[in-house]
N, C-alpha and C. Protein backbone atom coordinates (compact mmCIF):
# COMPACT_ATOMS: atom_id res chain seq x y z
N UNK A 1 3.37 -17.69 -6.58
CA UNK A 1 2.79 -16.80 -5.57
C UNK A 1 2.10 -17.33 -4.41
N UNK A 2 1.74 -18.58 -4.66
CA UNK A 2 1.17 -19.40 -3.21
C UNK A 2 2.35 -19.83 -2.55
N UNK A 3 3.44 -20.28 -3.17
CA UNK A 3 4.69 -20.78 -2.36
C UNK A 3 5.10 -19.62 -1.67
N UNK A 4 5.31 -18.26 -2.07
CA UNK A 4 5.92 -17.32 -1.35
C UNK A 4 4.98 -16.89 -0.12
N UNK A 5 3.70 -16.82 -0.05
CA UNK A 5 3.06 -16.62 0.98
C UNK A 5 3.03 -17.72 1.83
N UNK A 6 3.15 -18.90 1.49
CA UNK A 6 3.14 -20.37 2.59
C UNK A 6 4.43 -20.07 3.14
N UNK A 7 5.39 -19.70 2.48
CA UNK A 7 6.83 -19.78 3.41
C UNK A 7 6.67 -18.71 4.41
N UNK A 8 6.00 -17.32 3.91
CA UNK A 8 5.67 -16.36 4.48
C UNK A 8 5.34 -16.63 5.96
N UNK A 9 4.01 -17.27 5.84
CA UNK A 9 3.25 -17.65 6.90
C UNK A 9 4.29 -18.87 7.94
N UNK A 10 4.68 -19.39 7.25
CA UNK A 10 5.73 -20.41 8.24
C UNK A 10 6.62 -19.91 9.20
N UNK A 11 7.54 -18.87 8.22
CA UNK A 11 8.53 -17.90 8.84
C UNK A 11 7.80 -17.28 9.98
N UNK A 12 6.46 -16.44 9.91
CA UNK A 12 6.00 -15.88 10.89
C UNK A 12 6.05 -16.91 12.16
N UNK A 13 5.27 -18.24 11.55
CA UNK A 13 4.85 -18.95 13.00
C UNK A 13 5.80 -19.31 13.55
N UNK A 14 7.08 -19.82 12.81
CA UNK A 14 8.50 -20.42 13.56
C UNK A 14 9.19 -19.12 14.26
N UNK A 15 9.10 -17.84 13.86
CA UNK A 15 9.63 -16.75 14.64
C UNK A 15 8.80 -16.37 15.86
N UNK A 16 7.66 -16.94 15.86
CA UNK A 16 6.93 -16.49 17.20
C UNK A 16 6.59 -17.78 18.08
N UNK A 17 7.39 -18.89 17.48
CA UNK A 17 7.41 -20.01 18.72
C UNK A 17 6.25 -20.88 18.37
N UNK A 18 5.41 -20.78 17.23
CA UNK A 18 4.27 -21.43 16.91
C UNK A 18 4.69 -22.95 16.53
N UNK A 19 4.21 -23.98 16.81
CA UNK A 19 4.36 -25.23 16.23
C UNK A 19 3.89 -25.86 14.93
N UNK A 20 2.65 -25.53 14.95
CA UNK A 20 1.76 -26.11 14.05
C UNK A 20 1.43 -24.98 13.10
N UNK A 21 2.41 -24.90 12.03
CA UNK A 21 2.25 -23.69 10.96
C UNK A 21 2.42 -24.29 9.60
N UNK A 22 2.17 -25.66 9.29
CA UNK A 22 1.96 -25.96 8.16
C UNK A 22 1.08 -25.53 7.33
N UNK A 23 1.26 -24.99 6.22
CA UNK A 23 0.29 -24.05 5.44
C UNK A 23 -1.24 -25.02 5.09
N UNK A 24 -1.39 -26.00 4.70
CA UNK A 24 -2.36 -26.87 4.16
C UNK A 24 -2.91 -27.49 5.29
N UNK A 25 -2.83 -27.04 6.84
CA UNK A 25 -3.19 -27.69 8.05
C UNK A 25 -4.14 -26.75 8.15
N UNK A 26 -4.87 -25.59 7.74
CA UNK A 26 -5.73 -24.88 8.07
C UNK A 26 -6.71 -25.55 9.07
N UNK A 27 -7.53 -25.30 10.10
CA UNK A 27 -8.61 -25.86 10.65
C UNK A 27 -9.83 -25.08 10.56
N UNK A 28 -9.79 -23.92 9.76
CA UNK A 28 -11.13 -22.88 9.66
C UNK A 28 -11.98 -24.12 8.76
N UNK A 29 -13.17 -24.00 8.93
CA UNK A 29 -14.42 -24.79 8.29
C UNK A 29 -14.69 -23.94 7.16
N UNK A 30 -15.06 -24.79 5.82
CA UNK A 30 -15.42 -23.78 4.89
C UNK A 30 -16.78 -24.85 4.09
N UNK A 31 -17.74 -23.91 3.98
CA UNK A 31 -18.61 -24.95 3.69
C UNK A 31 -18.48 -25.81 2.47
N UNK A 32 -19.18 -26.84 2.31
CA UNK A 32 -18.83 -28.01 1.34
C UNK A 32 -18.77 -27.55 -0.27
N UNK A 33 -19.63 -26.82 -0.71
CA UNK A 33 -19.77 -26.46 -1.93
C UNK A 33 -18.84 -25.47 -2.49
N UNK A 34 -18.10 -24.72 -1.75
CA UNK A 34 -17.25 -23.80 -2.42
C UNK A 34 -15.84 -24.40 -2.92
N UNK A 35 -15.37 -23.99 -3.68
CA UNK A 35 -14.22 -24.61 -4.28
C UNK A 35 -13.04 -23.49 -3.79
N UNK A 36 -11.91 -23.90 -3.51
CA UNK A 36 -11.13 -23.05 -2.56
C UNK A 36 -9.92 -22.99 -3.78
N UNK A 37 -9.47 -21.61 -3.95
CA UNK A 37 -8.35 -20.89 -4.83
C UNK A 37 -7.04 -21.28 -3.99
N UNK A 38 -6.13 -21.32 -4.47
CA UNK A 38 -4.76 -20.90 -3.76
C UNK A 38 -4.54 -19.76 -2.64
N UNK A 39 -5.23 -18.73 -3.45
CA UNK A 39 -5.00 -17.58 -2.79
C UNK A 39 -6.22 -17.74 -1.44
N UNK A 40 -7.12 -18.16 -1.77
CA UNK A 40 -8.17 -18.60 -0.63
C UNK A 40 -7.52 -19.24 0.52
N UNK A 41 -6.72 -20.38 -0.07
CA UNK A 41 -6.01 -21.52 0.84
C UNK A 41 -5.11 -20.61 1.92
N UNK A 42 -4.31 -19.49 1.01
CA UNK A 42 -3.29 -18.69 1.77
C UNK A 42 -3.90 -17.71 2.75
N UNK A 43 -5.19 -17.16 2.65
CA UNK A 43 -6.13 -16.93 3.78
C UNK A 43 -6.24 -17.67 4.74
N UNK A 44 -6.67 -18.95 4.49
CA UNK A 44 -7.43 -20.00 5.53
C UNK A 44 -5.98 -20.22 6.24
N UNK A 45 -4.82 -20.28 5.66
CA UNK A 45 -3.37 -20.73 6.31
C UNK A 45 -3.33 -19.21 7.44
N UNK A 46 -3.38 -18.15 6.88
CA UNK A 46 -3.30 -16.97 7.70
C UNK A 46 -4.24 -17.13 9.07
N UNK A 47 -5.23 -17.48 8.69
CA UNK A 47 -6.32 -17.48 9.86
C UNK A 47 -5.68 -18.65 10.83
N UNK A 48 -5.21 -19.58 10.20
CA UNK A 48 -4.88 -20.56 11.43
C UNK A 48 -3.75 -19.96 12.13
N UNK A 49 -2.87 -19.25 11.71
CA UNK A 49 -1.32 -18.89 12.38
C UNK A 49 -2.21 -17.88 13.18
N UNK A 50 -2.87 -16.87 12.44
CA UNK A 50 -3.48 -15.80 13.75
C UNK A 50 -4.18 -16.49 14.46
N UNK A 51 -5.12 -17.52 14.62
CA UNK A 51 -5.73 -18.12 15.79
C UNK A 51 -4.65 -18.74 16.64
N UNK A 52 -3.72 -19.37 16.11
CA UNK A 52 -2.52 -19.65 17.35
C UNK A 52 -1.89 -18.48 17.71
N UNK A 53 -1.77 -17.76 17.34
CA UNK A 53 -0.92 -16.18 17.92
C UNK A 53 -2.14 -16.05 19.21
N UNK A 54 -3.46 -16.01 18.84
CA UNK A 54 -4.41 -15.73 20.06
C UNK A 54 -4.56 -16.70 21.08
N UNK A 55 -4.19 -17.84 20.57
CA UNK A 55 -4.17 -19.18 21.54
C UNK A 55 -3.07 -18.80 22.55
N UNK A 56 -1.68 -18.50 22.03
CA UNK A 56 -0.80 -18.66 22.90
C UNK A 56 -0.92 -17.10 23.75
N UNK A 57 -1.53 -15.81 23.14
CA UNK A 57 -1.68 -14.96 24.18
C UNK A 57 -2.45 -14.95 25.04
N UNK A 58 -3.84 -15.80 25.01
CA UNK A 58 -4.72 -15.99 26.02
C UNK A 58 -4.44 -17.32 26.60
N UNK A 59 -3.95 -18.53 26.13
CA UNK A 59 -3.54 -19.24 27.01
C UNK A 59 -4.82 -20.21 26.95
N UNK A 60 -5.78 -20.23 26.06
CA UNK A 60 -7.04 -20.67 25.70
C UNK A 60 -7.11 -21.25 24.20
N UNK A 61 -7.43 -22.07 24.00
CA UNK A 61 -8.19 -22.53 22.61
C UNK A 61 -9.25 -22.09 22.16
N UNK A 62 -9.39 -21.70 20.85
CA UNK A 62 -10.65 -21.17 20.41
C UNK A 62 -10.92 -22.10 19.07
N UNK A 63 -12.54 -22.09 19.12
CA UNK A 63 -12.82 -23.08 17.79
C UNK A 63 -12.55 -22.28 16.41
N UNK A 64 -12.75 -22.52 15.81
CA UNK A 64 -12.21 -22.18 14.34
C UNK A 64 -13.40 -21.72 13.53
N UNK A 65 -13.39 -20.55 12.88
CA UNK A 65 -14.69 -20.01 12.04
C UNK A 65 -14.96 -20.66 11.12
N UNK A 66 -15.92 -20.69 10.84
CA UNK A 66 -16.73 -21.06 9.30
C UNK A 66 -16.19 -19.78 8.41
N UNK A 67 -15.48 -20.19 7.24
CA UNK A 67 -15.05 -19.18 6.54
C UNK A 67 -15.56 -19.15 4.93
N UNK A 68 -16.01 -17.98 4.54
CA UNK A 68 -16.77 -18.33 3.25
C UNK A 68 -16.18 -16.64 2.26
N UNK A 69 -16.00 -17.08 0.98
CA UNK A 69 -15.30 -16.04 0.18
C UNK A 69 -16.51 -15.47 -0.67
N UNK A 70 -17.55 -15.13 -0.19
CA UNK A 70 -18.86 -14.62 -0.65
C UNK A 70 -19.08 -13.10 -0.81
N UNK A 71 -18.75 -12.48 0.09
CA UNK A 71 -18.97 -10.96 0.53
C UNK A 71 -18.75 -10.23 -0.89
N UNK A 72 -20.14 -9.56 -1.00
CA UNK A 72 -19.65 -8.55 -2.03
C UNK A 72 -19.87 -7.23 -1.88
N UNK A 73 -19.88 -6.08 -2.28
CA UNK A 73 -19.93 -4.65 -2.07
C UNK A 73 -18.32 -4.33 -1.71
N UNK A 74 -18.16 -3.14 -1.10
CA UNK A 74 -16.99 -2.25 -0.73
C UNK A 74 -16.59 -2.99 0.76
N UNK A 75 -17.02 -3.63 1.22
CA UNK A 75 -16.74 -4.18 2.67
C UNK A 75 -15.42 -5.52 2.10
N UNK A 76 -14.20 -5.37 3.11
CA UNK A 76 -13.27 -6.60 2.69
C UNK A 76 -13.68 -7.75 3.36
N UNK A 77 -14.21 -7.56 4.57
CA UNK A 77 -14.47 -8.76 5.36
C UNK A 77 -15.36 -8.48 6.30
N UNK A 78 -16.28 -9.38 7.02
CA UNK A 78 -17.23 -9.42 8.02
C UNK A 78 -17.04 -10.35 8.90
N UNK A 79 -17.21 -10.28 10.19
CA UNK A 79 -17.37 -11.19 11.23
C UNK A 79 -18.65 -11.35 11.72
N UNK A 80 -19.25 -12.44 11.81
CA UNK A 80 -20.43 -12.60 12.49
C UNK A 80 -20.27 -13.32 13.86
N UNK A 81 -20.79 -13.01 14.86
CA UNK A 81 -19.95 -13.36 16.09
C UNK A 81 -20.67 -14.42 16.76
N UNK A 82 -22.12 -14.73 16.79
CA UNK A 82 -22.90 -15.59 17.39
C UNK A 82 -22.51 -16.95 16.34
N UNK A 83 -22.53 -16.72 14.94
CA UNK A 83 -22.50 -17.67 14.16
C UNK A 83 -20.78 -18.29 14.01
N UNK A 84 -19.77 -17.67 14.71
CA UNK A 84 -18.35 -17.61 14.45
C UNK A 84 -18.08 -18.14 12.84
N UNK A 85 -18.46 -17.04 12.45
CA UNK A 85 -18.23 -17.19 10.78
C UNK A 85 -17.45 -15.64 10.54
N UNK A 86 -16.41 -16.01 9.61
CA UNK A 86 -15.80 -14.97 8.75
C UNK A 86 -16.29 -14.77 7.41
N UNK A 87 -16.43 -13.82 6.68
CA UNK A 87 -16.73 -13.93 5.10
C UNK A 87 -15.95 -12.59 4.49
N UNK A 88 -15.34 -13.01 3.71
CA UNK A 88 -14.51 -12.22 2.87
C UNK A 88 -14.83 -11.76 1.50
N UNK A 89 -14.61 -11.02 1.17
CA UNK A 89 -14.72 -10.34 -0.48
C UNK A 89 -13.69 -10.94 -1.24
N UNK A 90 -14.10 -11.51 -2.29
CA UNK A 90 -12.87 -12.23 -3.18
C UNK A 90 -12.52 -11.50 -3.97
N UNK A 91 -12.65 -10.51 -4.74
CA UNK A 91 -12.66 -9.27 -5.60
C UNK A 91 -11.62 -8.51 -4.81
N UNK A 92 -11.70 -8.08 -3.86
CA UNK A 92 -10.90 -7.09 -3.40
C UNK A 92 -9.80 -7.87 -2.69
N UNK A 93 -9.84 -9.10 -2.05
CA UNK A 93 -8.80 -9.87 -1.73
C UNK A 93 -7.80 -10.06 -2.93
N UNK A 94 -8.37 -10.64 -4.08
CA UNK A 94 -7.53 -10.57 -5.56
C UNK A 94 -6.69 -9.23 -5.49
N UNK A 95 -7.32 -8.42 -5.76
CA UNK A 95 -6.41 -6.68 -5.81
C UNK A 95 -5.61 -6.43 -4.60
N UNK A 96 -5.82 -7.18 -3.49
CA UNK A 96 -5.00 -6.48 -2.40
C UNK A 96 -4.73 -7.43 -1.50
N UNK A 97 -3.95 -8.54 -2.05
CA UNK A 97 -3.38 -9.52 -1.19
C UNK A 97 -2.51 -9.34 0.09
N UNK A 98 -1.75 -8.27 0.13
CA UNK A 98 -0.82 -8.01 1.27
C UNK A 98 -1.83 -7.54 2.42
N UNK A 99 -2.66 -6.57 1.74
CA UNK A 99 -3.43 -5.62 2.87
C UNK A 99 -4.58 -6.54 3.50
N UNK A 100 -4.86 -7.87 2.86
CA UNK A 100 -5.82 -8.99 3.54
C UNK A 100 -4.90 -9.38 4.57
N UNK A 101 -3.52 -10.03 4.10
CA UNK A 101 -2.90 -10.73 5.17
C UNK A 101 -2.54 -10.13 6.49
N UNK A 102 -2.00 -8.84 5.98
CA UNK A 102 -1.38 -7.96 7.28
C UNK A 102 -2.74 -7.09 8.25
N UNK A 103 -3.83 -6.63 7.66
CA UNK A 103 -4.75 -6.03 8.28
C UNK A 103 -6.24 -6.57 8.17
N UNK A 104 -6.90 -6.91 7.28
CA UNK A 104 -8.15 -7.64 7.01
C UNK A 104 -8.24 -8.86 7.98
N UNK A 105 -7.77 -9.56 7.88
CA UNK A 105 -7.75 -10.97 8.63
C UNK A 105 -7.49 -10.96 9.93
N UNK A 106 -6.39 -10.00 10.58
CA UNK A 106 -6.32 -10.08 11.87
C UNK A 106 -7.79 -9.24 12.31
N UNK A 107 -7.81 -8.22 11.97
CA UNK A 107 -8.95 -7.18 12.18
C UNK A 107 -10.27 -8.04 12.26
N UNK A 108 -10.75 -9.12 11.64
CA UNK A 108 -11.72 -9.89 11.38
C UNK A 108 -11.83 -10.53 12.56
N UNK A 109 -10.69 -11.38 12.74
CA UNK A 109 -10.53 -12.39 13.59
C UNK A 109 -10.35 -11.82 15.11
N UNK A 110 -10.07 -10.47 15.34
CA UNK A 110 -10.04 -9.69 16.43
C UNK A 110 -11.69 -9.83 17.03
N UNK A 111 -12.41 -9.50 15.78
CA UNK A 111 -13.77 -9.54 16.31
C UNK A 111 -14.41 -10.80 17.11
N UNK A 112 -13.87 -11.83 16.26
CA UNK A 112 -14.59 -12.97 17.08
C UNK A 112 -13.71 -13.55 18.29
N UNK A 113 -12.58 -13.25 18.25
CA UNK A 113 -11.72 -13.49 19.82
C UNK A 113 -12.01 -12.70 20.71
N UNK A 114 -12.60 -11.44 20.45
CA UNK A 114 -13.14 -10.48 21.37
C UNK A 114 -14.03 -11.11 22.12
N UNK A 115 -15.26 -11.33 21.08
CA UNK A 115 -16.16 -11.68 21.45
C UNK A 115 -16.44 -12.92 22.27
N UNK A 116 -15.29 -13.86 21.92
CA UNK A 116 -15.29 -15.30 22.81
C UNK A 116 -14.48 -15.01 23.99
N UNK A 117 -13.81 -13.92 24.15
CA UNK A 117 -13.32 -13.39 25.24
C UNK A 117 -13.97 -12.51 26.36
N UNK A 118 -14.58 -11.46 25.93
CA UNK A 118 -14.98 -10.49 26.57
C UNK A 118 -16.46 -10.43 26.41
N UNK A 119 -17.09 -11.14 25.70
CA UNK A 119 -18.82 -11.12 25.11
C UNK A 119 -18.81 -9.82 24.37
N UNK A 120 -19.85 -9.70 24.78
CA UNK A 120 -20.47 -8.66 23.73
C UNK A 120 -19.84 -7.04 24.32
N UNK A 121 -19.40 -6.68 23.59
CA UNK A 121 -18.56 -5.27 23.73
C UNK A 121 -18.52 -4.36 22.31
N UNK A 122 -18.24 -3.35 22.59
CA UNK A 122 -18.44 -2.52 21.35
C UNK A 122 -17.64 -3.24 20.16
N UNK A 123 -18.02 -2.90 18.82
CA UNK A 123 -17.34 -3.44 17.97
C UNK A 123 -16.06 -3.08 17.81
N UNK A 124 -15.42 -2.13 17.88
CA UNK A 124 -14.25 -1.24 17.67
C UNK A 124 -13.49 -0.87 18.97
N UNK A 125 -13.90 -1.31 20.26
CA UNK A 125 -13.75 -0.70 21.38
C UNK A 125 -12.51 -0.82 22.09
N UNK A 126 -12.26 -0.55 23.17
CA UNK A 126 -10.98 -0.89 24.10
C UNK A 126 -10.67 -2.59 23.84
N UNK A 127 -11.31 -3.38 24.11
CA UNK A 127 -10.77 -4.82 23.92
C UNK A 127 -10.37 -5.32 22.71
N UNK A 128 -11.29 -4.57 21.71
CA UNK A 128 -10.70 -5.21 20.02
C UNK A 128 -9.50 -4.54 19.67
N UNK A 129 -9.45 -3.24 20.14
CA UNK A 129 -8.11 -2.62 19.88
C UNK A 129 -6.89 -3.13 20.52
N UNK A 130 -7.32 -3.73 21.87
CA UNK A 130 -6.15 -4.21 22.47
C UNK A 130 -5.80 -5.59 21.92
N UNK A 131 -6.39 -6.35 21.04
CA UNK A 131 -6.24 -7.67 20.73
C UNK A 131 -5.62 -7.48 19.43
N UNK A 132 -5.73 -6.21 18.56
CA UNK A 132 -5.16 -5.72 17.30
C UNK A 132 -3.60 -5.26 17.81
N UNK A 133 -3.58 -4.55 18.93
CA UNK A 133 -2.40 -4.37 19.31
C UNK A 133 -1.32 -5.34 19.94
N UNK A 134 -1.58 -5.94 20.91
CA UNK A 134 -1.06 -6.78 21.56
C UNK A 134 -0.76 -8.29 20.97
N UNK A 135 -1.99 -8.86 20.28
CA UNK A 135 -1.75 -9.94 19.91
C UNK A 135 -1.54 -9.97 18.62
N UNK A 136 -1.89 -9.20 17.48
CA UNK A 136 -1.12 -9.21 16.04
C UNK A 136 0.12 -8.08 15.95
N UNK A 137 0.01 -6.95 16.84
CA UNK A 137 0.97 -5.85 16.56
C UNK A 137 0.62 -5.08 15.61
N UNK A 138 -0.79 -4.67 15.30
CA UNK A 138 -1.41 -4.15 14.24
C UNK A 138 -2.14 -2.77 14.84
N UNK A 139 -1.72 -1.65 14.08
CA UNK A 139 -2.64 -0.64 14.50
C UNK A 139 -4.08 -0.86 13.97
N UNK A 140 -4.79 -0.42 15.49
CA UNK A 140 -6.29 -0.88 14.97
C UNK A 140 -7.14 0.25 14.33
N UNK A 141 -7.56 -0.03 13.03
CA UNK A 141 -8.34 0.89 12.06
C UNK A 141 -9.45 0.35 12.03
N UNK A 142 -10.65 1.07 11.89
CA UNK A 142 -11.90 0.56 11.90
C UNK A 142 -12.28 0.44 10.45
N UNK A 143 -11.46 1.10 9.58
CA UNK A 143 -12.30 0.76 8.21
C UNK A 143 -10.90 0.54 7.32
N UNK A 144 -11.03 -0.27 6.17
CA UNK A 144 -10.06 -0.18 5.16
C UNK A 144 -9.92 1.06 4.04
N UNK A 145 -8.69 1.36 3.63
CA UNK A 145 -8.57 2.01 2.37
C UNK A 145 -8.13 1.35 1.04
N UNK A 146 -8.71 0.49 1.15
CA UNK A 146 -8.65 -0.33 -0.01
C UNK A 146 -9.22 0.60 -1.62
N UNK A 147 -8.85 0.22 -2.60
CA UNK A 147 -9.67 0.99 -3.73
C UNK A 147 -10.66 0.01 -3.91
N UNK A 148 -11.93 0.47 -3.82
CA UNK A 148 -13.10 -0.12 -4.28
C UNK A 148 -13.63 0.35 -5.84
N UNK A 149 -13.08 0.53 -6.39
CA UNK A 149 -13.72 1.26 -7.80
C UNK A 149 -14.24 -0.20 -8.59
N UNK A 150 -13.42 -1.14 -8.63
CA UNK A 150 -13.93 -2.49 -9.23
C UNK A 150 -15.05 -2.93 -8.63
N UNK A 151 -15.59 -2.80 -7.43
CA UNK A 151 -16.58 -3.47 -6.93
C UNK A 151 -17.76 -2.21 -6.62
N UNK A 152 -17.43 -1.08 -7.13
CA UNK A 152 -18.36 0.11 -7.02
C UNK A 152 -19.48 -0.32 -7.84
N UNK A 153 -20.85 -0.49 -7.13
CA UNK A 153 -22.17 -0.53 -7.92
C UNK A 153 -22.32 0.66 -8.67
N UNK A 154 -23.45 0.46 -9.45
CA UNK A 154 -24.28 1.24 -10.07
C UNK A 154 -24.43 2.88 -9.49
N UNK A 155 -24.20 3.66 -10.02
CA UNK A 155 -24.62 4.95 -9.10
C UNK A 155 -25.51 5.83 -9.94
N UNK A 156 -26.52 6.50 -9.10
CA UNK A 156 -27.64 7.45 -9.91
C UNK A 156 -27.26 8.78 -9.68
N UNK A 157 -27.30 9.82 -10.32
CA UNK A 157 -27.09 11.20 -10.02
C UNK A 157 -28.25 11.79 -9.38
N UNK A 158 -28.08 12.45 -8.42
CA UNK A 158 -29.36 13.23 -7.71
C UNK A 158 -28.29 14.84 -7.81
N UNK A 159 -29.50 15.84 -7.43
CA UNK A 159 -29.03 17.28 -7.69
C UNK A 159 -29.65 18.00 -6.48
N UNK A 160 -28.70 19.03 -5.83
CA UNK A 160 -29.29 19.86 -4.83
C UNK A 160 -28.67 20.96 -5.29
N UNK A 161 -28.49 22.13 -4.23
CA UNK A 161 -28.51 23.59 -4.46
C UNK A 161 -26.90 23.79 -4.89
N UNK A 162 -26.10 22.74 -4.18
CA UNK A 162 -24.57 22.77 -4.51
C UNK A 162 -24.02 22.02 -5.85
N UNK A 163 -24.90 21.32 -6.51
CA UNK A 163 -24.24 20.59 -7.65
C UNK A 163 -25.08 19.03 -7.68
N UNK A 164 -24.13 17.85 -8.12
CA UNK A 164 -24.78 16.72 -8.02
C UNK A 164 -24.22 16.05 -6.96
N UNK A 165 -24.81 14.88 -6.57
CA UNK A 165 -24.45 13.89 -5.78
C UNK A 165 -24.99 12.59 -6.18
N UNK A 166 -24.23 11.43 -5.89
CA UNK A 166 -24.24 10.00 -6.46
C UNK A 166 -24.89 9.23 -5.51
N UNK A 167 -25.85 8.47 -6.01
CA UNK A 167 -26.41 7.83 -5.16
C UNK A 167 -26.21 6.59 -5.41
N UNK A 168 -26.29 5.08 -4.41
CA UNK A 168 -26.14 4.09 -4.61
C UNK A 168 -27.86 3.36 -5.48
N UNK A 169 -27.31 2.09 -5.84
CA UNK A 169 -28.96 1.58 -6.51
C UNK A 169 -29.72 1.64 -5.18
N UNK A 170 -29.41 1.01 -3.80
CA UNK A 170 -30.07 1.00 -2.82
C UNK A 170 -30.79 2.33 -2.44
N UNK A 171 -30.13 3.24 -2.43
CA UNK A 171 -30.76 4.36 -2.04
C UNK A 171 -31.60 5.09 -3.23
N UNK A 172 -31.40 4.65 -4.24
CA UNK A 172 -32.43 5.61 -5.52
C UNK A 172 -33.45 4.74 -5.29
N UNK A 173 -33.28 3.38 -5.03
CA UNK A 173 -34.58 2.45 -5.06
C UNK A 173 -35.47 2.72 -4.07
N UNK A 174 -34.68 3.28 -2.96
CA UNK A 174 -35.68 3.88 -1.84
C UNK A 174 -36.31 5.12 -2.03
N UNK A 175 -35.72 5.91 -2.69
CA UNK A 175 -36.32 7.19 -3.35
C UNK A 175 -37.25 6.83 -4.15
N UNK A 176 -37.55 6.00 -5.21
CA UNK A 176 -38.42 5.46 -6.29
C UNK A 176 -39.46 4.94 -5.87
N UNK A 177 -39.32 4.20 -4.63
CA UNK A 177 -40.46 3.44 -4.01
C UNK A 177 -41.10 4.35 -3.05
N UNK A 178 -40.72 5.79 -2.78
CA UNK A 178 -41.43 6.50 -1.76
C UNK A 178 -40.90 6.45 -0.20
N UNK A 179 -39.75 5.37 -0.06
CA UNK A 179 -39.61 5.12 1.64
C UNK A 179 -38.53 5.82 1.86
N UNK A 180 -37.93 6.98 1.22
CA UNK A 180 -37.41 7.99 1.94
C UNK A 180 -36.82 9.04 1.12
N UNK A 181 -36.45 10.23 1.51
CA UNK A 181 -35.89 11.36 0.81
C UNK A 181 -34.50 11.69 1.26
N UNK A 182 -33.60 12.16 0.39
CA UNK A 182 -32.36 12.22 0.82
C UNK A 182 -31.87 13.65 1.01
N UNK A 183 -31.17 14.12 2.05
CA UNK A 183 -30.67 15.74 1.88
C UNK A 183 -29.05 15.93 1.63
N UNK A 184 -28.90 16.86 1.24
CA UNK A 184 -27.26 17.13 0.85
C UNK A 184 -26.61 17.15 2.26
N UNK A 185 -25.30 17.14 2.42
CA UNK A 185 -24.67 17.14 3.73
C UNK A 185 -24.44 18.34 3.73
N UNK A 186 -24.06 19.15 2.70
CA UNK A 186 -23.75 20.41 2.53
C UNK A 186 -24.69 21.81 2.84
N UNK A 187 -25.41 21.31 1.94
CA UNK A 187 -26.52 22.45 1.98
C UNK A 187 -27.78 22.15 2.23
N UNK A 188 -28.20 21.09 3.07
CA UNK A 188 -29.31 20.56 3.60
C UNK A 188 -30.48 20.31 2.59
N UNK A 189 -30.38 20.62 1.30
CA UNK A 189 -31.47 20.69 0.20
C UNK A 189 -31.90 19.15 0.05
N UNK A 190 -33.07 19.21 -0.06
CA UNK A 190 -33.59 17.83 -0.49
C UNK A 190 -33.14 17.22 -1.98
N UNK A 191 -32.45 16.05 -2.05
CA UNK A 191 -31.91 15.73 -3.78
C UNK A 191 -33.18 15.49 -4.20
N UNK A 192 -32.80 16.05 -5.69
CA UNK A 192 -33.57 15.50 -6.59
C UNK A 192 -33.42 14.87 -7.73
N UNK A 193 -33.94 13.99 -8.70
CA UNK A 193 -33.56 13.50 -9.85
C UNK A 193 -33.49 14.42 -11.02
N UNK A 194 -33.69 15.56 -11.05
CA UNK A 194 -33.99 16.36 -11.71
C UNK A 194 -32.77 17.67 -11.35
N UNK A 195 -32.12 18.22 -12.30
CA UNK A 195 -31.39 19.44 -11.96
C UNK A 195 -32.11 20.40 -11.35
N UNK A 196 -31.70 21.20 -10.14
CA UNK A 196 -32.20 22.17 -9.44
C UNK A 196 -32.16 23.19 -10.35
């Protein structure tokens, strides 16, 4: 599988006229203690190709980000603008390789490139959308539609006038600690841990 993706990335790079598209020469920085799997290396290679696309489009060079595969929960990826860092969810990556290559990586890189070109703007505003469309030829989507069942945390059942509602561990703990209460979006009744 690794060879397939490397060949795919080289083909994309050559088709776009990019010269430096060897898969093992990714310049993205990875923290020392992390062991990189072949799949993660494929993502690092994709990051390099996507940065070369941005450099070609904007006719300027961009510093490569630090990349971590430590993101948890339902998010596929995050971009930390001031730190020039990308974080990816390794579980969702393993389950959705093509979605990561096609959409998640360009989505997150677009945030960093947008910040470096335009400064602080709306996260999914016109500038970011323009980069997604013009640089990566992708439809700009603010959220992914990946199946997150495997990373779905424990849920707690709460009740309202129209039935039951599932709350995350964080929200449940906020209720238990008395920090907040939640209302049902439909009936507007305060959620309770016991059936109504």
